[in-house]
N, C-alpha and C. Protein backbone atom coordinates (compact mmCIF):
# COMPACT_ATOMS: atom_id res chain seq x y z
N UNK A 1 -121.73 113.18 70.55
CA UNK A 1 -122.88 114.03 70.68
C UNK A 1 -122.57 115.35 69.99
N UNK A 2 -123.47 115.82 69.15
CA UNK A 2 -123.31 117.10 68.48
C UNK A 2 -124.45 118.02 68.89
N UNK A 3 -124.12 119.27 69.07
CA UNK A 3 -125.13 120.29 69.30
C UNK A 3 -124.59 121.61 68.80
N UNK A 4 -125.48 122.52 68.54
CA UNK A 4 -125.09 123.81 68.02
C UNK A 4 -125.36 124.87 69.09
N UNK A 5 -124.38 125.71 69.32
CA UNK A 5 -124.50 126.79 70.30
C UNK A 5 -124.13 128.08 69.60
N UNK A 6 -125.05 129.00 69.51
CA UNK A 6 -124.80 130.27 68.83
C UNK A 6 -124.68 131.39 69.86
N UNK A 7 -123.88 132.39 69.52
CA UNK A 7 -123.71 133.54 70.40
C UNK A 7 -122.57 133.41 71.37
N UNK A 8 -121.75 132.38 71.21
CA UNK A 8 -120.65 132.14 72.13
C UNK A 8 -119.62 133.26 72.13
N UNK A 9 -119.30 133.81 70.95
CA UNK A 9 -118.30 134.88 70.87
C UNK A 9 -118.81 136.13 71.59
N UNK A 10 -120.09 136.42 71.43
CA UNK A 10 -120.67 137.60 72.08
C UNK A 10 -120.67 137.42 73.60
N UNK A 11 -121.03 136.22 74.06
CA UNK A 11 -121.03 135.95 75.50
C UNK A 11 -119.61 136.02 76.06
N UNK A 12 -118.64 135.47 75.33
CA UNK A 12 -117.25 135.52 75.76
C UNK A 12 -116.78 136.97 75.86
N UNK A 13 -117.17 137.78 74.90
CA UNK A 13 -116.80 139.20 74.93
C UNK A 13 -117.43 139.90 76.14
N UNK A 14 -118.70 139.61 76.40
CA UNK A 14 -119.39 140.22 77.54
C UNK A 14 -118.76 139.78 78.85
N UNK A 15 -118.37 138.51 78.95
CA UNK A 15 -117.69 138.01 80.15
C UNK A 15 -116.34 138.71 80.34
N UNK A 16 -115.62 138.93 79.25
CA UNK A 16 -114.33 139.60 79.32
C UNK A 16 -114.47 141.04 79.80
N UNK A 17 -115.57 141.67 79.44
CA UNK A 17 -115.80 143.07 79.85
C UNK A 17 -116.08 143.21 81.34
N UNK A 18 -116.35 142.10 82.02
CA UNK A 18 -116.62 142.18 83.45
C UNK A 18 -115.36 142.49 84.25
N UNK A 19 -114.22 142.36 83.62
CA UNK A 19 -112.97 142.68 84.32
C UNK A 19 -112.21 141.43 84.68
N UNK A 20 -112.16 141.13 85.94
CA UNK A 20 -111.37 140.01 86.43
C UNK A 20 -111.85 138.68 85.87
N UNK A 21 -110.90 137.81 85.63
CA UNK A 21 -111.24 136.46 85.15
C UNK A 21 -112.02 135.70 86.22
N UNK A 22 -111.69 135.94 87.50
CA UNK A 22 -112.39 135.25 88.58
C UNK A 22 -113.87 135.64 88.62
N UNK A 23 -114.17 136.89 88.33
CA UNK A 23 -115.56 137.34 88.28
C UNK A 23 -116.29 136.63 87.14
N UNK A 24 -115.66 136.58 85.98
CA UNK A 24 -116.27 135.91 84.83
C UNK A 24 -116.49 134.43 85.12
N UNK A 25 -115.53 133.80 85.80
CA UNK A 25 -115.67 132.37 86.12
C UNK A 25 -116.84 132.15 87.08
N UNK A 26 -117.00 133.04 88.08
CA UNK A 26 -118.13 132.90 89.02
C UNK A 26 -119.46 133.08 88.29
N UNK A 27 -119.52 134.03 87.37
CA UNK A 27 -120.73 134.25 86.57
C UNK A 27 -121.05 132.99 85.76
N UNK A 28 -120.05 132.44 85.10
CA UNK A 28 -120.25 131.23 84.30
C UNK A 28 -120.65 130.05 85.17
N UNK A 29 -120.04 129.94 86.35
CA UNK A 29 -120.37 128.85 87.27
C UNK A 29 -121.83 128.93 87.71
N UNK A 30 -122.29 130.12 88.07
CA UNK A 30 -123.69 130.27 88.48
C UNK A 30 -124.65 129.91 87.35
N UNK A 31 -124.31 130.31 86.13
CA UNK A 31 -125.16 129.99 84.98
C UNK A 31 -125.18 128.49 84.70
N UNK A 32 -124.02 127.84 84.78
CA UNK A 32 -123.96 126.39 84.55
C UNK A 32 -124.76 125.63 85.60
N UNK A 33 -124.64 126.05 86.85
CA UNK A 33 -125.37 125.38 87.93
C UNK A 33 -126.87 125.51 87.72
N UNK A 34 -127.32 126.68 87.31
CA UNK A 34 -128.75 126.89 87.06
C UNK A 34 -129.21 126.03 85.88
N UNK A 35 -128.40 125.96 84.84
CA UNK A 35 -128.76 125.17 83.65
C UNK A 35 -128.71 123.67 83.93
N UNK A 36 -127.99 123.26 84.96
CA UNK A 36 -127.89 121.84 85.31
C UNK A 36 -129.11 121.35 86.08
N UNK A 37 -129.91 122.26 86.61
CA UNK A 37 -131.04 121.88 87.45
C UNK A 37 -132.05 120.95 86.77
N UNK A 38 -132.43 121.18 85.49
CA UNK A 38 -133.39 120.25 84.88
C UNK A 38 -132.88 118.81 84.81
N UNK A 39 -131.59 118.63 84.55
CA UNK A 39 -131.03 117.27 84.49
C UNK A 39 -131.05 116.65 85.88
N UNK A 40 -130.60 117.40 86.88
CA UNK A 40 -130.60 116.89 88.26
C UNK A 40 -132.02 116.52 88.71
N UNK A 41 -132.97 117.41 88.44
CA UNK A 41 -134.35 117.16 88.87
C UNK A 41 -134.94 115.94 88.18
N UNK A 42 -134.66 115.79 86.89
CA UNK A 42 -135.17 114.63 86.16
C UNK A 42 -134.52 113.35 86.65
N UNK A 43 -133.24 113.40 86.94
CA UNK A 43 -132.52 112.23 87.46
C UNK A 43 -133.16 111.79 88.77
N UNK A 44 -133.46 112.74 89.64
CA UNK A 44 -134.09 112.40 90.91
C UNK A 44 -135.46 111.74 90.70
N UNK A 45 -136.18 112.16 89.67
CA UNK A 45 -137.48 111.55 89.36
C UNK A 45 -137.33 110.12 88.85
N UNK A 46 -136.27 109.86 88.09
CA UNK A 46 -136.11 108.57 87.42
C UNK A 46 -135.43 107.49 88.27
N UNK A 47 -134.66 107.89 89.26
CA UNK A 47 -133.91 106.92 90.05
C UNK A 47 -134.86 106.08 90.91
N UNK A 48 -134.53 104.79 91.01
CA UNK A 48 -135.32 103.90 91.89
C UNK A 48 -135.13 104.34 93.33
N UNK A 49 -136.19 104.25 94.10
CA UNK A 49 -136.11 104.68 95.50
C UNK A 49 -136.27 103.47 96.41
N UNK A 50 -135.24 103.22 97.20
CA UNK A 50 -135.30 102.19 98.23
C UNK A 50 -135.52 102.92 99.55
N UNK A 51 -134.47 103.50 100.07
CA UNK A 51 -134.59 104.29 101.29
C UNK A 51 -134.53 105.79 100.98
N UNK A 52 -134.23 106.15 99.75
CA UNK A 52 -134.18 107.55 99.35
C UNK A 52 -132.80 108.18 99.46
N UNK A 53 -131.80 107.41 99.95
CA UNK A 53 -130.46 107.97 100.11
C UNK A 53 -129.86 108.40 98.78
N UNK A 54 -130.01 107.57 97.76
CA UNK A 54 -129.43 107.89 96.46
C UNK A 54 -130.11 109.13 95.87
N UNK A 55 -131.40 109.19 95.94
CA UNK A 55 -132.14 110.35 95.41
C UNK A 55 -131.68 111.63 96.10
N UNK A 56 -131.55 111.60 97.41
CA UNK A 56 -131.13 112.80 98.15
C UNK A 56 -129.69 113.19 97.84
N UNK A 57 -128.88 112.24 97.41
CA UNK A 57 -127.46 112.51 97.19
C UNK A 57 -127.16 113.08 95.80
N UNK A 58 -128.13 113.13 94.91
CA UNK A 58 -127.89 113.65 93.56
C UNK A 58 -127.84 115.18 93.65
N UNK A 59 -126.67 115.72 93.36
CA UNK A 59 -126.42 117.15 93.57
C UNK A 59 -125.72 117.78 92.37
N UNK A 60 -125.75 119.09 92.37
CA UNK A 60 -124.97 119.89 91.43
C UNK A 60 -123.85 120.50 92.26
N UNK A 61 -122.64 120.43 91.75
CA UNK A 61 -121.53 120.99 92.51
C UNK A 61 -120.29 121.13 91.67
N UNK A 62 -119.18 121.27 92.36
CA UNK A 62 -117.89 121.37 91.68
C UNK A 62 -117.51 120.01 91.15
N UNK A 63 -116.80 120.02 90.04
CA UNK A 63 -116.33 118.77 89.45
C UNK A 63 -115.36 118.10 90.40
N UNK A 64 -115.32 116.78 90.35
CA UNK A 64 -114.39 116.04 91.20
C UNK A 64 -112.96 116.45 90.88
N UNK A 65 -112.06 116.25 91.80
CA UNK A 65 -110.71 116.79 91.67
C UNK A 65 -110.00 116.41 90.39
N UNK A 66 -110.11 115.16 89.95
CA UNK A 66 -109.40 114.74 88.75
C UNK A 66 -109.93 115.47 87.52
N UNK A 67 -111.23 115.70 87.47
CA UNK A 67 -111.82 116.43 86.34
C UNK A 67 -111.54 117.91 86.51
N UNK A 68 -111.61 118.38 87.74
CA UNK A 68 -111.41 119.80 88.03
C UNK A 68 -110.04 120.28 87.56
N UNK A 69 -109.00 119.47 87.71
CA UNK A 69 -107.66 119.85 87.27
C UNK A 69 -107.63 120.07 85.76
N UNK A 70 -108.33 119.24 85.03
CA UNK A 70 -108.34 119.32 83.58
C UNK A 70 -109.37 120.34 83.10
N UNK A 71 -110.55 120.36 83.73
CA UNK A 71 -111.67 121.13 83.22
C UNK A 71 -111.71 122.59 83.59
N UNK A 72 -111.17 123.00 84.73
CA UNK A 72 -111.25 124.39 85.14
C UNK A 72 -109.92 125.09 84.96
N UNK A 73 -109.51 125.23 83.72
CA UNK A 73 -108.25 125.87 83.39
C UNK A 73 -108.55 126.99 82.39
N UNK A 74 -107.95 128.14 82.61
CA UNK A 74 -108.14 129.26 81.69
C UNK A 74 -109.57 129.73 81.70
N UNK A 75 -110.17 129.76 80.53
CA UNK A 75 -111.55 130.23 80.42
C UNK A 75 -112.57 129.10 80.59
N UNK A 76 -112.10 127.87 80.73
CA UNK A 76 -113.00 126.73 80.84
C UNK A 76 -113.58 126.64 82.24
N UNK A 77 -114.89 126.45 82.32
CA UNK A 77 -115.58 126.28 83.60
C UNK A 77 -116.41 125.01 83.50
N UNK A 78 -116.32 124.16 84.52
CA UNK A 78 -117.09 122.92 84.52
C UNK A 78 -117.96 122.86 85.76
N UNK A 79 -118.99 122.06 85.68
CA UNK A 79 -119.81 121.77 86.85
C UNK A 79 -120.09 120.28 86.87
N UNK A 80 -120.64 119.80 87.95
CA UNK A 80 -120.82 118.38 88.17
C UNK A 80 -122.27 118.11 88.57
N UNK A 81 -122.87 117.14 87.95
CA UNK A 81 -124.18 116.64 88.38
C UNK A 81 -123.94 115.17 88.70
N UNK A 82 -124.14 114.80 89.94
CA UNK A 82 -123.89 113.42 90.30
C UNK A 82 -124.14 113.14 91.76
N UNK A 83 -123.60 112.03 92.19
CA UNK A 83 -123.83 111.55 93.55
C UNK A 83 -122.80 112.19 94.49
N UNK A 84 -123.32 112.86 95.50
CA UNK A 84 -122.49 113.45 96.55
C UNK A 84 -122.36 112.40 97.63
N UNK A 85 -121.17 111.86 97.75
CA UNK A 85 -120.95 110.78 98.71
C UNK A 85 -120.34 111.29 100.01
N UNK A 86 -120.44 112.59 100.26
CA UNK A 86 -119.82 113.15 101.46
C UNK A 86 -120.47 112.62 102.75
N UNK A 87 -121.75 112.30 102.71
CA UNK A 87 -122.42 111.77 103.90
C UNK A 87 -122.25 110.27 104.04
N UNK A 88 -122.16 109.56 102.93
CA UNK A 88 -122.02 108.11 102.97
C UNK A 88 -121.19 107.68 101.77
N UNK A 89 -119.96 107.29 102.01
CA UNK A 89 -119.04 106.95 100.93
C UNK A 89 -119.47 105.71 100.15
N UNK A 90 -120.38 104.93 100.69
CA UNK A 90 -120.84 103.73 99.99
C UNK A 90 -121.83 104.08 98.86
N UNK A 91 -122.33 105.30 98.84
CA UNK A 91 -123.32 105.67 97.83
C UNK A 91 -122.79 105.55 96.41
N UNK A 92 -121.50 105.82 96.18
CA UNK A 92 -121.00 105.72 94.82
C UNK A 92 -121.06 104.28 94.31
N UNK A 93 -120.90 103.31 95.20
CA UNK A 93 -121.00 101.91 94.80
C UNK A 93 -122.45 101.59 94.43
N UNK A 94 -123.37 101.99 95.28
CA UNK A 94 -124.79 101.76 95.01
C UNK A 94 -125.22 102.49 93.74
N UNK A 95 -124.75 103.72 93.56
CA UNK A 95 -125.11 104.49 92.37
C UNK A 95 -124.61 103.82 91.10
N UNK A 96 -123.41 103.28 91.15
CA UNK A 96 -122.85 102.60 89.98
C UNK A 96 -123.64 101.35 89.64
N UNK A 97 -124.01 100.58 90.65
CA UNK A 97 -124.82 99.38 90.42
C UNK A 97 -126.18 99.77 89.88
N UNK A 98 -126.77 100.82 90.43
CA UNK A 98 -128.09 101.28 89.97
C UNK A 98 -128.02 101.72 88.50
N UNK A 99 -126.99 102.46 88.15
CA UNK A 99 -126.88 103.01 86.79
C UNK A 99 -126.50 101.95 85.76
N UNK A 100 -125.54 101.08 86.10
CA UNK A 100 -125.00 100.16 85.11
C UNK A 100 -125.40 98.70 85.31
N UNK A 101 -125.95 98.40 86.48
CA UNK A 101 -126.38 97.04 86.76
C UNK A 101 -125.26 96.18 87.32
N UNK A 102 -125.64 94.98 87.73
CA UNK A 102 -124.71 93.99 88.26
C UNK A 102 -125.35 92.63 88.04
N UNK A 103 -124.66 91.58 88.44
CA UNK A 103 -125.19 90.23 88.25
C UNK A 103 -126.57 90.07 88.88
N UNK A 104 -126.76 90.66 90.01
CA UNK A 104 -127.99 90.49 90.76
C UNK A 104 -128.95 91.69 90.66
N UNK A 105 -128.62 92.66 89.79
CA UNK A 105 -129.42 93.89 89.74
C UNK A 105 -129.48 94.40 88.31
N UNK A 106 -130.68 94.58 87.78
CA UNK A 106 -130.83 95.14 86.44
C UNK A 106 -130.45 96.62 86.44
N UNK A 107 -129.87 97.06 85.34
CA UNK A 107 -129.47 98.46 85.24
C UNK A 107 -130.69 99.36 85.14
N UNK A 108 -130.62 100.50 85.80
CA UNK A 108 -131.60 101.57 85.66
C UNK A 108 -130.80 102.84 85.38
N UNK A 109 -130.47 103.09 84.11
CA UNK A 109 -129.61 104.22 83.78
C UNK A 109 -130.34 105.56 83.91
N UNK A 110 -130.75 105.88 85.12
CA UNK A 110 -131.52 107.10 85.37
C UNK A 110 -130.71 108.35 85.04
N UNK A 111 -129.42 108.35 85.36
CA UNK A 111 -128.58 109.51 85.08
C UNK A 111 -128.45 109.76 83.59
N UNK A 112 -128.18 108.70 82.84
CA UNK A 112 -128.05 108.83 81.39
C UNK A 112 -129.38 109.23 80.76
N UNK A 113 -130.47 108.61 81.21
CA UNK A 113 -131.79 108.96 80.66
C UNK A 113 -132.16 110.40 80.98
N UNK A 114 -131.82 110.86 82.18
CA UNK A 114 -132.10 112.25 82.55
C UNK A 114 -131.34 113.20 81.63
N UNK A 115 -130.07 112.89 81.37
CA UNK A 115 -129.28 113.73 80.47
C UNK A 115 -129.89 113.72 79.07
N UNK A 116 -130.21 112.54 78.55
CA UNK A 116 -130.78 112.44 77.21
C UNK A 116 -132.08 113.23 77.09
N UNK A 117 -132.90 113.19 78.13
CA UNK A 117 -134.20 113.86 78.09
C UNK A 117 -134.10 115.37 78.29
N UNK A 118 -133.14 115.83 79.08
CA UNK A 118 -133.10 117.24 79.47
C UNK A 118 -131.90 118.03 78.92
N UNK A 119 -131.03 117.39 78.16
CA UNK A 119 -129.83 118.09 77.72
C UNK A 119 -130.14 119.32 76.87
N UNK A 120 -131.11 119.22 75.99
CA UNK A 120 -131.42 120.37 75.13
C UNK A 120 -131.97 121.53 75.95
N UNK A 121 -132.80 121.22 76.94
CA UNK A 121 -133.32 122.26 77.84
C UNK A 121 -132.16 122.94 78.55
N UNK A 122 -131.26 122.14 79.09
CA UNK A 122 -130.10 122.70 79.81
C UNK A 122 -129.20 123.51 78.89
N UNK A 123 -128.91 122.97 77.72
CA UNK A 123 -128.05 123.69 76.79
C UNK A 123 -128.68 125.01 76.35
N UNK A 124 -129.99 125.01 76.16
CA UNK A 124 -130.68 126.24 75.79
C UNK A 124 -130.65 127.26 76.93
N UNK A 125 -130.66 126.78 78.16
CA UNK A 125 -130.66 127.67 79.32
C UNK A 125 -129.32 128.36 79.53
N UNK A 126 -128.24 127.76 79.07
CA UNK A 126 -126.92 128.32 79.35
C UNK A 126 -126.80 129.76 78.87
N UNK A 127 -127.16 130.02 77.62
CA UNK A 127 -126.98 131.39 77.11
C UNK A 127 -127.89 132.39 77.83
N UNK A 128 -129.14 131.99 78.09
CA UNK A 128 -130.03 132.94 78.78
C UNK A 128 -129.59 133.17 80.22
N UNK A 129 -129.12 132.12 80.89
CA UNK A 129 -128.63 132.29 82.26
C UNK A 129 -127.35 133.11 82.29
N UNK A 130 -126.47 132.89 81.32
CA UNK A 130 -125.25 133.70 81.25
C UNK A 130 -125.60 135.17 81.04
N UNK A 131 -126.53 135.44 80.15
CA UNK A 131 -126.95 136.82 79.89
C UNK A 131 -127.49 137.46 81.18
N UNK A 132 -128.34 136.74 81.88
CA UNK A 132 -128.91 137.26 83.13
C UNK A 132 -127.82 137.51 84.16
N UNK A 133 -126.92 136.56 84.35
CA UNK A 133 -125.84 136.70 85.33
C UNK A 133 -124.88 137.83 84.96
N UNK A 134 -124.59 137.99 83.67
CA UNK A 134 -123.71 139.08 83.22
C UNK A 134 -124.37 140.42 83.53
N UNK A 135 -125.67 140.55 83.23
CA UNK A 135 -126.38 141.80 83.51
C UNK A 135 -126.40 142.11 85.00
N UNK A 136 -126.66 141.11 85.84
CA UNK A 136 -126.68 141.32 87.30
C UNK A 136 -125.31 141.77 87.80
N UNK A 137 -124.27 141.10 87.32
CA UNK A 137 -122.91 141.42 87.76
C UNK A 137 -122.51 142.82 87.30
N UNK A 138 -122.84 143.17 86.06
CA UNK A 138 -122.53 144.51 85.57
C UNK A 138 -123.27 145.58 86.36
N UNK A 139 -124.53 145.30 86.72
CA UNK A 139 -125.31 146.25 87.53
C UNK A 139 -124.69 146.42 88.92
N UNK A 140 -124.25 145.31 89.53
CA UNK A 140 -123.59 145.40 90.84
C UNK A 140 -122.31 146.22 90.75
N UNK A 141 -121.54 146.00 89.70
CA UNK A 141 -120.29 146.74 89.52
C UNK A 141 -120.57 148.23 89.33
N UNK A 142 -121.63 148.56 88.58
CA UNK A 142 -121.99 149.96 88.38
C UNK A 142 -122.42 150.61 89.69
N UNK A 143 -123.18 149.89 90.52
CA UNK A 143 -123.59 150.43 91.82
C UNK A 143 -122.38 150.65 92.71
N UNK A 144 -121.45 149.71 92.70
CA UNK A 144 -120.25 149.83 93.51
C UNK A 144 -119.42 151.04 93.07
N UNK A 145 -119.28 151.21 91.77
CA UNK A 145 -118.54 152.35 91.24
C UNK A 145 -119.21 153.66 91.64
N UNK A 146 -120.53 153.71 91.56
CA UNK A 146 -121.27 154.91 91.94
C UNK A 146 -121.09 155.21 93.44
N UNK A 147 -121.13 154.17 94.28
CA UNK A 147 -120.92 154.36 95.73
C UNK A 147 -119.53 154.90 96.01
N UNK A 148 -118.53 154.32 95.35
CA UNK A 148 -117.16 154.78 95.55
C UNK A 148 -116.98 156.21 95.07
N UNK A 149 -117.60 156.54 93.96
CA UNK A 149 -117.51 157.90 93.43
C UNK A 149 -118.19 158.89 94.39
N UNK A 150 -119.32 158.51 94.95
CA UNK A 150 -120.03 159.36 95.90
C UNK A 150 -119.19 159.59 97.16
N UNK A 151 -118.52 158.55 97.63
CA UNK A 151 -117.67 158.67 98.82
C UNK A 151 -116.47 159.60 98.51
N UNK A 152 -115.96 159.50 97.30
CA UNK A 152 -114.81 160.31 96.91
C UNK A 152 -115.13 161.79 96.80
N UNK A 153 -116.37 162.13 96.52
CA UNK A 153 -116.77 163.53 96.37
C UNK A 153 -117.02 164.19 97.72
N UNK A 154 -117.16 163.42 98.77
CA UNK A 154 -117.48 164.00 100.08
C UNK A 154 -116.30 164.67 100.68
């Protein structure tokens, strides 16, 4: 898959100006989660509904541990759109059969179709969401600095 993303150096510079790496990572995480919403919402629309358990389990969250070890290192931030099996561990089996099919069940690749349909929307949202989150965080930091300065003058 190829796509073009412009303004990355400027966004990276703005994230670096926020100070702590942890602050920049939280800003990036919030932006990624917001940009993931169109894919999640479309996936929920496309998935077959039996009892609704699978639809309700499609969430945005932290990447699974094996991906998290590789993906969230240094400046890299990842997010996850998928089945949350915390309430019912059998959901991942059902989700896999639903997405890829089985001998007795035709595939309904709702997750893949949702990504194909909404990826450009999500990718376009990343830069605007990052800009918004950076501005909010910088404004909060400025207010905090002003409060501390006011307390120091008393």
